[in-house]
């Protein structure tokens, strides 16, 4: 059985990994470069 400290460490690691997951997925699918018009001159 894992110690309480290891449980805490694992839980912290999982929480940290889960943070911003939706934002990361959205940026990955959409791309992070903002839309801008192309000037041909």
Protein backbone atom coordinates (compact mmCIF):
# COMPACT_ATOMS: atom_id res chain seq x y z
CA UNK A 1 0.00 0.00 0.00
CA UNK A 2 1.45 3.42 -0.94
CA UNK A 3 2.26 5.91 1.77
CA UNK A 4 0.13 8.99 2.28
CA UNK A 5 2.93 11.17 0.92
CA UNK A 6 3.10 9.21 -2.32
CA UNK A 7 -0.68 9.44 -2.67
CA UNK A 8 -0.42 13.21 -2.25
CA UNK A 9 2.43 13.49 -4.74
CA UNK A 10 0.57 11.40 -7.31
CA UNK A 11 -2.65 13.38 -6.84
CA UNK A 12 -0.72 16.65 -7.21
CA UNK A 13 0.94 15.42 -10.37
CA UNK A 14 -2.41 14.41 -11.88
CA UNK A 15 -4.02 17.74 -10.94
CA UNK A 16 -1.12 19.65 -12.48
CA UNK A 17 -1.36 17.64 -15.70
CA UNK A 18 -5.12 18.14 -15.89
CA UNK A 19 -4.94 21.93 -15.52
CA UNK A 20 -5.52 23.78 -18.75
CA UNK A 21 -6.31 20.59 -20.64
CA UNK A 22 -9.26 22.13 -22.52
CA UNK A 23 -7.20 25.19 -23.48
CA UNK A 24 -4.31 23.02 -24.66
CA UNK A 25 -6.64 20.82 -26.73
CA UNK A 26 -8.34 23.87 -28.27
CA UNK A 27 -5.00 25.41 -29.24
CA UNK A 28 -3.75 22.13 -30.64
CA UNK A 29 -6.82 21.71 -32.86
CA UNK A 30 -7.21 25.34 -33.87
CA UNK A 31 -3.60 26.45 -34.00
CA UNK A 32 -2.03 29.18 -31.90
CA UNK A 33 -1.31 31.67 -34.67
CA UNK A 34 -3.85 34.53 -34.71
CA UNK A 35 -5.71 35.28 -37.90
CA UNK A 36 -4.36 38.26 -39.84
CA UNK A 37 -4.97 39.63 -43.28
CA UNK A 38 -2.26 39.20 -45.88
CA UNK A 39 -1.04 42.39 -47.53
CA UNK A 40 0.20 41.91 -51.06
CA UNK A 41 1.97 45.07 -52.22
